[in-house]
Amino acid sequence: MPLQHDPSGEMTVVDQHSGILFAMFDGPKRVICRVDWDALIDRAAVDGADEMDIRATFHRHREAIQAIASQNYDAGQASPIVTTYQLTPLP
C-alpha cells in the first residue's frame, strides 16, 4: 500500500551524515523516512542550485522524494531511505 504524505509537512534536518527525516503514513501508522544528505547535495548540483541549502532542495523535490520513499516501503524497507541514485539517477 503506498504511503500517504504527512499533512503537517514537518521535516527535521538531522546532520550531514544522516540527512532529513520526514514522516509519512501507512493508514494510521506513522512511518519515519529519510533522504540522505548526499542525495540532496547531488540533486542540487544537477539543478544548478545552492548545494548547501538542502532544505530548499528537499522542498523543491518533496513529491519525488515521498514517491521514492513510498516505493521503498512497498519493497520492504520498514524505515525507507531515499538515496542519491534514486533521487538523481545516472544518465
N, C-alpha and C. Protein backbone atom coordinates (compact mmCIF):
# COMPACT_ATOMS: atom_id res chain seq x y z
N MET A 1 0.84 -1.17 0.00
CA MET A 1 0.00 0.00 0.00
C MET A 1 0.89 1.24 0.00
N PRO A 2 0.67 2.18 -0.92
CA PRO A 2 1.50 3.38 -0.95
C PRO A 2 1.34 4.21 0.32
N LEU A 3 2.45 4.81 0.73
CA LEU A 3 2.41 5.70 1.89
C LEU A 3 1.73 7.01 1.50
N GLN A 4 1.12 7.64 2.47
CA GLN A 4 0.48 8.94 2.28
C GLN A 4 1.35 10.00 2.95
N HIS A 5 1.37 11.20 2.36
CA HIS A 5 2.20 12.26 2.94
C HIS A 5 1.62 12.73 4.28
N ASP A 6 2.48 13.30 5.08
CA ASP A 6 2.10 13.87 6.37
C ASP A 6 1.56 15.27 6.12
N PRO A 7 0.28 15.52 6.42
CA PRO A 7 -0.28 16.84 6.13
C PRO A 7 0.41 17.97 6.88
N SER A 8 1.10 17.68 7.96
CA SER A 8 1.80 18.74 8.69
C SER A 8 2.99 19.26 7.89
N GLY A 9 3.55 18.42 7.01
CA GLY A 9 4.69 18.83 6.20
C GLY A 9 5.98 19.00 6.97
N GLU A 10 6.00 18.54 8.22
CA GLU A 10 7.20 18.71 9.03
C GLU A 10 8.35 17.85 8.52
N MET A 11 9.55 18.36 8.72
CA MET A 11 10.76 17.61 8.43
C MET A 11 11.82 18.08 9.39
N THR A 12 12.82 17.23 9.61
CA THR A 12 13.89 17.53 10.56
C THR A 12 15.23 17.30 9.90
N VAL A 13 16.08 18.31 9.91
CA VAL A 13 17.44 18.13 9.43
C VAL A 13 18.21 17.52 10.59
N VAL A 14 18.75 16.33 10.38
CA VAL A 14 19.46 15.64 11.45
C VAL A 14 20.91 16.11 11.50
N ASP A 15 21.70 15.73 10.51
CA ASP A 15 23.08 16.16 10.41
C ASP A 15 23.61 15.77 9.04
N GLN A 16 24.87 16.11 8.78
CA GLN A 16 25.44 15.84 7.47
C GLN A 16 25.63 14.36 7.18
N HIS A 17 25.52 13.53 8.19
CA HIS A 17 25.70 12.10 7.96
C HIS A 17 24.36 11.39 7.78
N SER A 18 23.30 12.00 8.27
CA SER A 18 22.00 11.34 8.22
C SER A 18 21.05 11.93 7.20
N GLY A 19 21.01 13.24 7.07
CA GLY A 19 20.11 13.86 6.11
C GLY A 19 18.88 14.44 6.75
N ILE A 20 17.75 14.29 6.08
CA ILE A 20 16.48 14.85 6.55
C ILE A 20 15.52 13.71 6.85
N LEU A 21 14.88 13.81 8.02
CA LEU A 21 13.83 12.87 8.40
C LEU A 21 12.48 13.51 8.13
N PHE A 22 11.54 12.72 7.65
CA PHE A 22 10.18 13.18 7.44
C PHE A 22 9.24 12.00 7.65
N ALA A 23 8.01 12.31 7.98
CA ALA A 23 7.04 11.25 8.26
C ALA A 23 6.07 11.08 7.09
N MET A 24 5.61 9.85 6.95
CA MET A 24 4.53 9.52 6.02
C MET A 24 3.63 8.55 6.78
N PHE A 25 2.50 8.22 6.21
CA PHE A 25 1.56 7.35 6.90
C PHE A 25 1.15 6.15 6.06
N ASP A 26 1.10 5.00 6.74
CA ASP A 26 0.54 3.76 6.21
C ASP A 26 -0.76 3.57 6.97
N GLY A 27 -1.86 4.13 6.45
CA GLY A 27 -3.10 4.18 7.21
C GLY A 27 -2.85 5.04 8.45
N PRO A 28 -3.15 4.53 9.64
CA PRO A 28 -2.91 5.32 10.85
C PRO A 28 -1.47 5.21 11.37
N LYS A 29 -0.68 4.30 10.80
CA LYS A 29 0.69 4.07 11.27
C LYS A 29 1.64 5.12 10.70
N ARG A 30 2.35 5.81 11.60
CA ARG A 30 3.34 6.82 11.20
C ARG A 30 4.64 6.10 10.85
N VAL A 31 5.19 6.42 9.68
CA VAL A 31 6.42 5.81 9.20
C VAL A 31 7.47 6.91 9.05
N ILE A 32 8.60 6.75 9.73
CA ILE A 32 9.68 7.72 9.63
C ILE A 32 10.54 7.36 8.42
N CYS A 33 10.72 8.33 7.54
CA CYS A 33 11.50 8.16 6.32
C CYS A 33 12.70 9.10 6.37
N ARG A 34 13.69 8.83 5.51
CA ARG A 34 14.88 9.66 5.47
C ARG A 34 15.35 9.84 4.04
N VAL A 35 15.82 11.03 3.74
CA VAL A 35 16.51 11.26 2.48
C VAL A 35 17.95 11.62 2.85
N ASP A 36 18.89 10.93 2.24
CA ASP A 36 20.31 11.13 2.54
C ASP A 36 20.75 12.55 2.20
N TRP A 37 21.65 13.08 3.02
CA TRP A 37 22.24 14.40 2.81
C TRP A 37 22.89 14.46 1.43
N ASP A 38 23.68 13.43 1.10
CA ASP A 38 24.36 13.40 -0.20
C ASP A 38 23.39 13.40 -1.36
N ALA A 39 22.25 12.76 -1.18
CA ALA A 39 21.24 12.75 -2.25
C ALA A 39 20.74 14.16 -2.53
N LEU A 40 20.56 14.95 -1.47
CA LEU A 40 20.08 16.32 -1.65
C LEU A 40 21.16 17.22 -2.25
N ILE A 41 22.41 17.01 -1.84
CA ILE A 41 23.51 17.79 -2.41
C ILE A 41 23.67 17.48 -3.90
N ASP A 42 23.65 16.20 -4.24
CA ASP A 42 23.78 15.79 -5.65
C ASP A 42 22.63 16.32 -6.49
N ARG A 43 21.41 16.29 -5.94
CA ARG A 43 20.25 16.80 -6.66
C ARG A 43 20.38 18.30 -6.90
N ALA A 44 20.82 19.04 -5.88
CA ALA A 44 21.00 20.48 -6.01
C ALA A 44 22.06 20.80 -7.08
N ALA A 45 23.14 20.03 -7.10
CA ALA A 45 24.21 20.25 -8.08
C ALA A 45 23.67 20.08 -9.50
N VAL A 46 22.89 19.04 -9.72
CA VAL A 46 22.29 18.81 -11.04
C VAL A 46 21.32 19.93 -11.40
N ASP A 47 20.61 20.43 -10.40
CA ASP A 47 19.64 21.52 -10.61
C ASP A 47 20.33 22.87 -10.83
N GLY A 48 21.63 22.96 -10.49
CA GLY A 48 22.33 24.23 -10.56
C GLY A 48 21.97 25.14 -9.40
N ALA A 49 21.54 24.55 -8.29
CA ALA A 49 21.11 25.31 -7.11
C ALA A 49 22.20 25.27 -6.04
N ASP A 50 21.99 26.02 -4.97
CA ASP A 50 22.92 26.06 -3.85
C ASP A 50 22.96 24.69 -3.19
N GLU A 51 24.12 24.05 -3.26
CA GLU A 51 24.26 22.69 -2.75
C GLU A 51 24.16 22.59 -1.24
N MET A 52 24.35 23.70 -0.55
CA MET A 52 24.29 23.65 0.91
C MET A 52 22.89 23.97 1.45
N ASP A 53 21.99 24.40 0.59
CA ASP A 53 20.63 24.69 1.03
C ASP A 53 19.77 23.44 0.83
N ILE A 54 20.01 22.44 1.67
CA ILE A 54 19.32 21.17 1.49
C ILE A 54 17.83 21.28 1.80
N ARG A 55 17.45 22.21 2.65
CA ARG A 55 16.02 22.40 2.93
C ARG A 55 15.28 22.80 1.66
N ALA A 56 15.85 23.74 0.92
CA ALA A 56 15.22 24.20 -0.33
C ALA A 56 15.15 23.06 -1.34
N THR A 57 16.22 22.29 -1.43
CA THR A 57 16.23 21.15 -2.35
C THR A 57 15.17 20.13 -1.94
N PHE A 58 15.07 19.88 -0.64
CA PHE A 58 14.04 18.96 -0.15
C PHE A 58 12.65 19.45 -0.55
N HIS A 59 12.38 20.72 -0.34
CA HIS A 59 11.05 21.26 -0.65
C HIS A 59 10.77 21.24 -2.16
N ARG A 60 11.79 21.54 -2.97
CA ARG A 60 11.60 21.51 -4.43
C ARG A 60 11.26 20.11 -4.94
N HIS A 61 11.83 19.10 -4.30
CA HIS A 61 11.68 17.72 -4.78
C HIS A 61 10.88 16.85 -3.83
N ARG A 62 10.12 17.47 -2.95
CA ARG A 62 9.40 16.73 -1.92
C ARG A 62 8.50 15.64 -2.50
N GLU A 63 7.75 15.95 -3.55
CA GLU A 63 6.85 14.95 -4.13
C GLU A 63 7.61 13.73 -4.63
N ALA A 64 8.72 13.96 -5.33
CA ALA A 64 9.53 12.84 -5.84
C ALA A 64 10.13 12.05 -4.69
N ILE A 65 10.63 12.76 -3.67
CA ILE A 65 11.22 12.10 -2.50
C ILE A 65 10.19 11.22 -1.81
N GLN A 66 8.98 11.74 -1.63
CA GLN A 66 7.92 10.96 -0.98
C GLN A 66 7.52 9.76 -1.84
N ALA A 67 7.47 9.94 -3.15
CA ALA A 67 7.12 8.81 -4.03
C ALA A 67 8.17 7.71 -3.94
N ILE A 68 9.45 8.09 -3.91
CA ILE A 68 10.53 7.11 -3.79
C ILE A 68 10.46 6.41 -2.44
N ALA A 69 10.23 7.17 -1.37
CA ALA A 69 10.11 6.57 -0.04
C ALA A 69 8.97 5.57 0.00
N SER A 70 7.86 5.91 -0.62
CA SER A 70 6.71 5.00 -0.66
C SER A 70 7.05 3.72 -1.42
N GLN A 71 7.75 3.85 -2.54
CA GLN A 71 8.18 2.66 -3.31
C GLN A 71 9.11 1.80 -2.47
N ASN A 72 10.03 2.43 -1.76
CA ASN A 72 10.96 1.68 -0.91
C ASN A 72 10.22 0.96 0.22
N TYR A 73 9.21 1.61 0.76
CA TYR A 73 8.40 0.99 1.82
C TYR A 73 7.66 -0.23 1.26
N ASP A 74 7.07 -0.06 0.09
CA ASP A 74 6.36 -1.17 -0.54
C ASP A 74 7.30 -2.33 -0.89
N ALA A 75 8.59 -2.00 -1.10
CA ALA A 75 9.60 -3.02 -1.40
C ALA A 75 10.14 -3.69 -0.14
N GLY A 76 9.67 -3.25 1.04
CA GLY A 76 10.04 -3.94 2.27
C GLY A 76 10.87 -3.14 3.25
N GLN A 77 11.25 -1.91 2.93
CA GLN A 77 12.00 -1.11 3.89
C GLN A 77 11.04 -0.58 4.96
N ALA A 78 11.27 -0.96 6.20
CA ALA A 78 10.40 -0.51 7.29
C ALA A 78 10.56 0.98 7.56
N SER A 79 11.78 1.49 7.40
CA SER A 79 12.07 2.91 7.54
C SER A 79 12.77 3.35 6.25
N PRO A 80 11.99 3.73 5.25
CA PRO A 80 12.55 3.99 3.92
C PRO A 80 13.62 5.08 3.89
N ILE A 81 14.64 4.82 3.09
CA ILE A 81 15.74 5.76 2.90
C ILE A 81 15.85 6.06 1.40
N VAL A 82 15.81 7.34 1.06
CA VAL A 82 15.95 7.78 -0.33
C VAL A 82 17.43 8.10 -0.55
N THR A 83 18.01 7.46 -1.54
CA THR A 83 19.44 7.60 -1.82
C THR A 83 19.68 8.51 -3.03
N THR A 84 20.93 8.88 -3.20
CA THR A 84 21.31 9.74 -4.31
C THR A 84 20.99 9.09 -5.65
N TYR A 85 21.17 7.78 -5.76
CA TYR A 85 20.94 7.09 -7.04
C TYR A 85 19.46 7.04 -7.39
N GLN A 86 18.61 7.16 -6.39
CA GLN A 86 17.17 7.18 -6.64
C GLN A 86 16.70 8.59 -6.98
N LEU A 87 17.23 9.58 -6.28
CA LEU A 87 16.80 10.96 -6.48
C LEU A 87 17.45 11.60 -7.69
N THR A 88 18.68 11.19 -8.00
CA THR A 88 19.40 11.73 -9.14
C THR A 88 20.03 10.58 -9.90
N PRO A 89 19.22 9.85 -10.68
CA PRO A 89 19.75 8.69 -11.39
C PRO A 89 20.82 9.10 -12.41
N LEU A 90 21.75 8.22 -12.63
CA LEU A 90 22.77 8.45 -13.65
C LEU A 90 22.13 8.42 -15.03
N PRO A 91 22.65 9.23 -15.96
CA PRO A 91 22.07 9.25 -17.32
C PRO A 91 22.27 7.94 -18.04
